[in-house]
C-alpha cells in the first residue's frame, strides 16, 4: 500500500513539474476577477500608430516587459515566421513559428530604436538554442524589420552592444524581414497580469531575471519604463509649446530627448557646399563645411567644431558602455564624438544628427547675421 501511495505521489509531482516547464493552458483560479482574466478590449485604432514585431523567448515575459513602457499602446502575444497560416500553440511549434509580440506604439513618443534596446536588455541575445529553460527554435530571439531604416537601426544597435564586450559570447539575435503576425490564444494574452503567481514562479524558475541583473544595471533595465526627462534646463510651458511648434517632430525629439535619426536619412549628410552649420534651436554657429567630411557612417561628420566653446561633451551610458555625447552650448543634443577620425585632422569624428542642424550658405552668412564667419572661407 505504501509503495502504491509513493508511486501516486511521484506521478502527481511529475505532472506538476511538467506543467511548469511547458506553457499549456493554465487552470483558471476561481478567485480571480473575471474582468482581469478577460482579454484586453482594444480602445484604439491600430492604423493610427506604428507596430513592431519582436521575439525574445517566452512571449509571456516579453509581453510583460514591453507593457512597462508608458507610451506603448498595446502589446499582443502571437506567432510569426512559420510555414502555416493561423497557427495555434501546437501548430506554431510544429511549423517553425516563433513566439513573438506585436508592440503598438506612438512613434512620436517612443522610437523603434528604444524598443530594440529594451528587447536586448531583457533577453539573453547570445542564446542560439532557445531562451533560458525554454529550448527550441520557437524560443530564439529575432527583431523583425518592416523597412531598411528599421533594419539598419537594429543591426547598428546589435553591433554596438556586441562590440562593447557586454557579453562573453557574440549576440545571435537575428534581424529578419517582418512576416505575418498571428495573434495567440486568449489565455496567452496578459498572462503575467492574469496569473501573477504562476507567472512569477515561471519567470523566477527560468533564470531570466538573475541573468539580466548580471549584465545590466538597474538604471539600464528601467530606462524606458518611465517617461524620459526633458534634457534641457527647466523650461516653462509656453516656451516648450513654442519650441515644439517651431521644430519638426524629428528635430524636437533629437535635440530635446537625445533621439537618433536614421543613418543616410538627412540631406545634410550629402551637403557639400560652403557654409556653416548652426544649432537648429538657438541658431548658434557650430561647425564649418571646411571641417566636414564623408565618414561613411550615414550621419554628417566633422573634424572639429568652429570653436571648442560652442559645444559641450558629457559621458553617455545609454548602450552600457561610455560614449561621449555632444551638445550645443545651449543644451541641444547633437550626437556623439568618436576617436576614429582622420589622424591628420586630429583623430576625432563628430558624428552629428542632421536634424539638430540648420545649414547656412556662405553667400547668406552676412545677411543672416553670421558675417564674422566669412573669413573661414578665405
Foldseek 3Di string as FASTA:
>chain_A
DVVVVVVVVVVVVVVVVVCLLDPDQDDADPVFDVVQLFFDDDPDDLVQWDKWKKAFFQVLQVQVLVVLQVQWRHKFWFWDDFDDPQDAPVRRQVTVIATMIMITGHCLQDPLLNSLLLRPLQFPQQDCAAGQSDGHNNRHIETADADPLSQQSNVVLLVVLQVQPLDPGRGPHYYYHDGDTHTYDSSSHNVCRSPVVSVVCSVVVSCRVVVSVVRDPPCLNCVRSDGDDFQADDDDPVVVVVQPVLADSVLCCCFTVVDADGALPDPVLVDQAWFFKAFPRPRHTWATSVQWDNPVRRATKGLGTPDPLQKDWDWDCNSNDTFIWIHGNNRTTFGGKDQCDDVVSPRIIDGGHPSRIDTDHLVCCVVVPNVVCNVVVD
